[in-house]
């Protein structure tokens, strides 16, 4: 099984969808091979590099990135904008897109609603639910907004001062008066 790691660099100057960034996200090896393929002169070496890039799907990376971004609500025009122009909620979507690009089996989210407006919080939770249902991705969600978390999860653990004090299906936890 090949391990994939997604990195997001949103320093304010980067575009959401930049072909070289999308190719680089296939890994350091992929980025280095793209650079070498552009300067190599030996036809056998160029063919070898192109074969490796095709095997890792590097040429499809820009289209995959665009599809993921579109699925998270980014228009074609949005995909060309600098990350610095987006609000916190939209930057959360950029981070989510970068993570989804790696096609993880497990998505761990720590306080995805932190600092977001109620409307954006609802939208982020709709996206989280869709990722779980459509992609089959397991999601580990840490969230203080208990009501939102219980609406999207199947099973929950309630922590107080780092200790589990309750655990049950979310349907049952939602009925408890002391869950806030």
C-alpha atoms as a PDB file:
ATOM      1  CA  UNK A   1       0.000   0.000   0.000  1.00  0.00           C
ATOM      2  CA  UNK A   2       1.440   3.356  -1.011  1.00  0.00           C
ATOM      3  CA  UNK A   3       1.214   6.095   1.600  1.00  0.00           C
ATOM      4  CA  UNK A   4       0.109   9.495   0.387  1.00  0.00           C
ATOM      5  CA  UNK A   5       0.626  12.784   2.157  1.00  0.00           C
ATOM      6  CA  UNK A   6      -1.040  16.052   1.171  1.00  0.00           C
ATOM      7  CA  UNK A   7       0.500  19.419   1.937  1.00  0.00           C
ATOM      8  CA  UNK A   8      -1.159  22.812   1.692  1.00  0.00           C
ATOM      9  CA  UNK A   9       0.837  25.977   1.354  1.00  0.00           C
ATOM     10  CA  UNK A  10      -1.460  28.988   1.451  1.00  0.00           C
ATOM     11  CA  UNK A  11       0.956  31.865   1.926  1.00  0.00           C
ATOM     12  CA  UNK A  12      -1.316  34.329   0.194  1.00  0.00           C
ATOM     13  CA  UNK A  13       0.481  34.390  -3.119  1.00  0.00           C
ATOM     14  CA  UNK A  14      -0.358  30.949  -4.442  1.00  0.00           C
ATOM     15  CA  UNK A  15      -3.230  30.308  -6.794  1.00  0.00           C
ATOM     16  CA  UNK A  16      -5.656  27.561  -5.889  1.00  0.00           C
ATOM     17  CA  UNK A  17      -5.076  25.741  -9.116  1.00  0.00           C
ATOM     18  CA  UNK A  18      -1.609  26.016 -10.520  1.00  0.00           C
ATOM     19  CA  UNK A  19      -0.411  23.218 -12.776  1.00  0.00           C
ATOM     20  CA  UNK A  20       3.059  23.066 -11.260  1.00  0.00           C
ATOM     21  CA  UNK A  21       1.621  23.034  -7.733  1.00  0.00           C
ATOM     22  CA  UNK A  22      -0.808  20.277  -8.691  1.00  0.00           C
ATOM     23  CA  UNK A  23       2.000  18.249 -10.221  1.00  0.00           C
ATOM     24  CA  UNK A  24       4.215  18.889  -7.215  1.00  0.00           C
ATOM     25  CA  UNK A  25       1.478  17.591  -4.928  1.00  0.00           C
ATOM     26  CA  UNK A  26       2.003  14.134  -6.428  1.00  0.00           C
ATOM     27  CA  UNK A  27       5.211  14.098  -4.374  1.00  0.00           C
ATOM     28  CA  UNK A  28       8.722  15.446  -4.438  1.00  0.00           C
ATOM     29  CA  UNK A  29       9.724  12.695  -6.829  1.00  0.00           C
ATOM     30  CA  UNK A  30       6.957  13.674  -9.248  1.00  0.00           C
ATOM     31  CA  UNK A  31       7.930  17.353  -9.166  1.00  0.00           C
ATOM     32  CA  UNK A  32      11.596  16.513  -9.685  1.00  0.00           C
ATOM     33  CA  UNK A  33      10.747  14.220 -12.603  1.00  0.00           C
ATOM     34  CA  UNK A  34       8.609  16.903 -14.240  1.00  0.00           C
ATOM     35  CA  UNK A  35      11.527  19.321 -13.966  1.00  0.00           C
ATOM     36  CA  UNK A  36      13.981  16.743 -15.330  1.00  0.00           C
ATOM     37  CA  UNK A  37      11.668  15.826 -18.225  1.00  0.00           C
ATOM     38  CA  UNK A  38      11.624  19.482 -19.292  1.00  0.00           C
ATOM     39  CA  UNK A  39      15.445  19.675 -19.475  1.00  0.00           C
ATOM     40  CA  UNK A  40      16.507  16.128 -20.395  1.00  0.00           C
ATOM     41  CA  UNK A  41      17.987  15.457 -23.842  1.00  0.00           C
ATOM     42  CA  UNK A  42      18.250  11.659 -23.844  1.00  0.00           C
ATOM     43  CA  UNK A  43      15.085  10.296 -25.512  1.00  0.00           C
ATOM     44  CA  UNK A  44      15.253   7.058 -23.462  1.00  0.00           C
ATOM     45  CA  UNK A  45      15.417   9.007 -20.201  1.00  0.00           C
ATOM     46  CA  UNK A  46      12.555  11.282 -21.290  1.00  0.00           C
ATOM     47  CA  UNK A  47      10.447   8.210 -22.136  1.00  0.00           C
ATOM     48  CA  UNK A  48      11.268   6.622 -18.763  1.00  0.00           C
ATOM     49  CA  UNK A  49      10.288   9.795 -16.894  1.00  0.00           C
ATOM     50  CA  UNK A  50       7.063  10.197 -18.874  1.00  0.00           C
ATOM     51  CA  UNK A  51       6.136   6.574 -18.122  1.00  0.00           C
ATOM     52  CA  UNK A  52       6.713   7.100 -14.389  1.00  0.00           C
ATOM     53  CA  UNK A  53       4.680  10.322 -14.425  1.00  0.00           C
ATOM     54  CA  UNK A  54       1.841   8.530 -16.229  1.00  0.00           C
ATOM     55  CA  UNK A  55       1.967   5.664 -13.700  1.00  0.00           C
ATOM     56  CA  UNK A  56       1.587   8.085 -10.767  1.00  0.00           C
ATOM     57  CA  UNK A  57      -1.163  10.055 -12.518  1.00  0.00           C
ATOM     58  CA  UNK A  58       0.838  13.293 -12.538  1.00  0.00           C
ATOM     59  CA  UNK A  59      -0.594  14.462 -15.852  1.00  0.00           C
ATOM     60  CA  UNK A  60      -4.136  14.109 -14.501  1.00  0.00           C
ATOM     61  CA  UNK A  61      -3.358  16.092 -11.323  1.00  0.00           C
ATOM     62  CA  UNK A  62      -4.574  19.502 -12.569  1.00  0.00           C
ATOM     63  CA  UNK A  63      -7.889  18.038 -13.745  1.00  0.00           C
ATOM     64  CA  UNK A  64      -8.329  16.095 -10.476  1.00  0.00           C
ATOM     65  CA  UNK A  65      -7.571  19.227  -8.442  1.00  0.00           C
ATOM     66  CA  UNK A  66     -10.069  21.256 -10.495  1.00  0.00           C
ATOM     67  CA  UNK A  67     -12.765  18.598 -10.033  1.00  0.00           C
ATOM     68  CA  UNK A  68     -12.224  18.460  -6.269  1.00  0.00           C
ATOM     69  CA  UNK A  69     -12.297  22.255  -5.981  1.00  0.00           C
ATOM     70  CA  UNK A  70     -15.449  22.450  -8.112  1.00  0.00           C
ATOM     71  CA  UNK A  71     -17.084  19.844  -5.877  1.00  0.00           C
ATOM     72  CA  UNK A  72     -16.368  22.088  -2.893  1.00  0.00           C
ATOM     73  CA  UNK A  73     -18.031  25.074  -4.545  1.00  0.00           C
ATOM     74  CA  UNK A  74     -15.105  26.825  -6.289  1.00  0.00           C
ATOM     75  CA  UNK A  75     -15.954  28.219  -9.709  1.00  0.00           C
ATOM     76  CA  UNK A  76     -13.371  28.181 -12.514  1.00  0.00           C
ATOM     77  CA  UNK A  77     -12.683  31.864 -11.806  1.00  0.00           C
ATOM     78  CA  UNK A  78     -12.258  31.152  -8.061  1.00  0.00           C
ATOM     79  CA  UNK A  79      -9.651  28.508  -8.850  1.00  0.00           C
ATOM     80  CA  UNK A  80      -7.378  31.165 -10.377  1.00  0.00           C
ATOM     81  CA  UNK A  81      -7.615  33.539  -7.393  1.00  0.00           C
ATOM     82  CA  UNK A  82      -4.876  33.887  -4.737  1.00  0.00           C
ATOM     83  CA  UNK A  83      -5.654  32.059  -1.493  1.00  0.00           C
ATOM     84  CA  UNK A  84      -5.268  35.326   0.429  1.00  0.00           C
ATOM     85  CA  UNK A  85      -8.475  36.629  -1.155  1.00  0.00           C
ATOM     86  CA  UNK A  86     -10.630  33.973   0.505  1.00  0.00           C
ATOM     87  CA  UNK A  87     -12.349  34.138   3.899  1.00  0.00           C
ATOM     88  CA  UNK A  88     -11.633  31.641   6.669  1.00  0.00           C
ATOM     89  CA  UNK A  89     -14.490  29.374   5.627  1.00  0.00           C
ATOM     90  CA  UNK A  90     -13.316  29.227   2.034  1.00  0.00           C
ATOM     91  CA  UNK A  91      -9.737  28.627   3.184  1.00  0.00           C
ATOM     92  CA  UNK A  92     -11.078  25.679   5.181  1.00  0.00           C
ATOM     93  CA  UNK A  93     -12.407  24.341   1.864  1.00  0.00           C
ATOM     94  CA  UNK A  94      -8.982  24.830   0.266  1.00  0.00           C
ATOM     95  CA  UNK A  95      -7.408  22.785   3.072  1.00  0.00           C
ATOM     96  CA  UNK A  96     -10.075  20.130   2.636  1.00  0.00           C
ATOM     97  CA  UNK A  97      -9.445  20.026  -1.129  1.00  0.00           C
ATOM     98  CA  UNK A  98      -5.719  19.533  -0.570  1.00  0.00           C
ATOM     99  CA  UNK A  99      -6.453  16.678   1.814  1.00  0.00           C
ATOM    100  CA  UNK A 100      -8.988  15.047  -0.520  1.00  0.00           C
ATOM    101  CA  UNK A 101      -6.440  15.171  -3.341  1.00  0.00           C
ATOM    102  CA  UNK A 102      -4.471  12.524  -1.417  1.00  0.00           C
ATOM    103  CA  UNK A 103      -7.577  10.259  -1.379  1.00  0.00           C
ATOM    104  CA  UNK A 104      -7.301   9.379   2.317  1.00  0.00           C
ATOM    105  CA  UNK A 105      -9.110   6.429   3.856  1.00  0.00           C
ATOM    106  CA  UNK A 106      -9.343   8.354   7.135  1.00  0.00           C
ATOM    107  CA  UNK A 107      -9.985  12.078   7.463  1.00  0.00           C
ATOM    108  CA  UNK A 108      -9.281  13.594  10.882  1.00  0.00           C
ATOM    109  CA  UNK A 109     -10.887  16.984  11.483  1.00  0.00           C
ATOM    110  CA  UNK A 110     -10.178  19.088  14.559  1.00  0.00           C
ATOM    111  CA  UNK A 111     -12.763  21.820  15.167  1.00  0.00           C
ATOM    112  CA  UNK A 112     -13.698  22.441  11.502  1.00  0.00           C
ATOM    113  CA  UNK A 113     -16.317  25.003  12.586  1.00  0.00           C
ATOM    114  CA  UNK A 114     -13.922  27.093  14.686  1.00  0.00           C
ATOM    115  CA  UNK A 115     -14.253  30.768  13.793  1.00  0.00           C
ATOM    116  CA  UNK A 116     -16.825  30.225  11.050  1.00  0.00           C
ATOM    117  CA  UNK A 117     -20.219  31.870  10.723  1.00  0.00           C
ATOM    118  CA  UNK A 118     -23.250  29.659  11.387  1.00  0.00           C
ATOM    119  CA  UNK A 119     -24.009  29.556   7.651  1.00  0.00           C
ATOM    120  CA  UNK A 120     -20.475  28.465   6.727  1.00  0.00           C
ATOM    121  CA  UNK A 121     -20.477  25.961   9.596  1.00  0.00           C
ATOM    122  CA  UNK A 122     -23.594  24.325   8.153  1.00  0.00           C
ATOM    123  CA  UNK A 123     -22.008  24.238   4.690  1.00  0.00           C
ATOM    124  CA  UNK A 124     -18.755  22.688   5.988  1.00  0.00           C
ATOM    125  CA  UNK A 125     -20.758  20.015   7.819  1.00  0.00           C
ATOM    126  CA  UNK A 126     -22.768  19.285   4.647  1.00  0.00           C
ATOM    127  CA  UNK A 127     -19.478  18.807   2.801  1.00  0.00           C
ATOM    128  CA  UNK A 128     -18.127  16.531   5.564  1.00  0.00           C
ATOM    129  CA  UNK A 129     -21.287  14.412   5.370  1.00  0.00           C
ATOM    130  CA  UNK A 130     -21.056  14.214   1.574  1.00  0.00           C
ATOM    131  CA  UNK A 131     -17.393  13.130   1.721  1.00  0.00           C
ATOM    132  CA  UNK A 132     -18.307  10.349   4.116  1.00  0.00           C
ATOM    133  CA  UNK A 133     -21.269   9.120   2.091  1.00  0.00           C
ATOM    134  CA  UNK A 134     -20.005   9.564  -1.466  1.00  0.00           C
ATOM    135  CA  UNK A 135     -16.354   8.635  -1.025  1.00  0.00           C
ATOM    136  CA  UNK A 136     -16.756   6.186   1.845  1.00  0.00           C
ATOM    137  CA  UNK A 137     -14.089   8.065   3.777  1.00  0.00           C
ATOM    138  CA  UNK A 138     -14.019   7.385   7.511  1.00  0.00           C
ATOM    139  CA  UNK A 139     -14.098  10.657   9.425  1.00  0.00           C
ATOM    140  CA  UNK A 140     -12.823  11.265  12.943  1.00  0.00           C
ATOM    141  CA  UNK A 141     -14.382  14.541  14.041  1.00  0.00           C
ATOM    142  CA  UNK A 142     -13.364  16.539  17.117  1.00  0.00           C
ATOM    143  CA  UNK A 143     -15.896  19.296  17.600  1.00  0.00           C
ATOM    144  CA  UNK A 144     -17.226  21.430  20.471  1.00  0.00           C
ATOM    145  CA  UNK A 145     -20.423  22.189  18.570  1.00  0.00           C
ATOM    146  CA  UNK A 146     -22.053  19.020  19.897  1.00  0.00           C
ATOM    147  CA  UNK A 147     -25.375  19.476  18.108  1.00  0.00           C
ATOM    148  CA  UNK A 148     -23.747  19.805  14.661  1.00  0.00           C
ATOM    149  CA  UNK A 149     -21.379  16.895  15.345  1.00  0.00           C
ATOM    150  CA  UNK A 150     -24.209  14.650  16.514  1.00  0.00           C
ATOM    151  CA  UNK A 151     -26.207  15.425  13.360  1.00  0.00           C
ATOM    152  CA  UNK A 152     -23.473  14.165  11.024  1.00  0.00           C
ATOM    153  CA  UNK A 153     -21.835  11.370  13.032  1.00  0.00           C
ATOM    154  CA  UNK A 154     -23.000   7.843  13.752  1.00  0.00           C
ATOM    155  CA  UNK A 155     -21.281   7.269  17.093  1.00  0.00           C
ATOM    156  CA  UNK A 156     -19.976   9.762  19.622  1.00  0.00           C
ATOM    157  CA  UNK A 157     -17.743  10.087  22.635  1.00  0.00           C
ATOM    158  CA  UNK A 158     -18.179  12.953  25.086  1.00  0.00           C
ATOM    159  CA  UNK A 159     -14.993  14.139  26.760  1.00  0.00           C
ATOM    160  CA  UNK A 160     -14.621  16.202  29.906  1.00  0.00           C
ATOM    161  CA  UNK A 161     -11.128  17.241  30.966  1.00  0.00           C
ATOM    162  CA  UNK A 162      -9.652  14.649  28.618  1.00  0.00           C
ATOM    163  CA  UNK A 163     -11.709  11.699  29.878  1.00  0.00           C
ATOM    164  CA  UNK A 164     -14.558   9.896  28.152  1.00  0.00           C
ATOM    165  CA  UNK A 165     -17.674  10.463  30.263  1.00  0.00           C
ATOM    166  CA  UNK A 166     -20.276   9.209  27.755  1.00  0.00           C
ATOM    167  CA  UNK A 167     -20.348   7.141  24.602  1.00  0.00           C
ATOM    168  CA  UNK A 168     -23.283   6.023  22.533  1.00  0.00           C
ATOM    169  CA  UNK A 169     -24.907   6.330  19.146  1.00  0.00           C
ATOM    170  CA  UNK A 170     -25.356   9.943  18.178  1.00  0.00           C
ATOM    171  CA  UNK A 171     -29.122   9.493  18.099  1.00  0.00           C
ATOM    172  CA  UNK A 172     -29.068   8.480  21.766  1.00  0.00           C
ATOM    173  CA  UNK A 173     -26.535  11.149  22.779  1.00  0.00           C
ATOM    174  CA  UNK A 174     -28.645  13.853  21.118  1.00  0.00           C
ATOM    175  CA  UNK A 175     -31.550  12.954  23.435  1.00  0.00           C
ATOM    176  CA  UNK A 176     -29.516  13.602  26.590  1.00  0.00           C
ATOM    177  CA  UNK A 177     -30.248  16.884  28.318  1.00  0.00           C
ATOM    178  CA  UNK A 178     -26.682  17.432  29.541  1.00  0.00           C
ATOM    179  CA  UNK A 179     -25.186  17.419  26.026  1.00  0.00           C
ATOM    180  CA  UNK A 180     -24.614  21.004  24.952  1.00  0.00           C
END
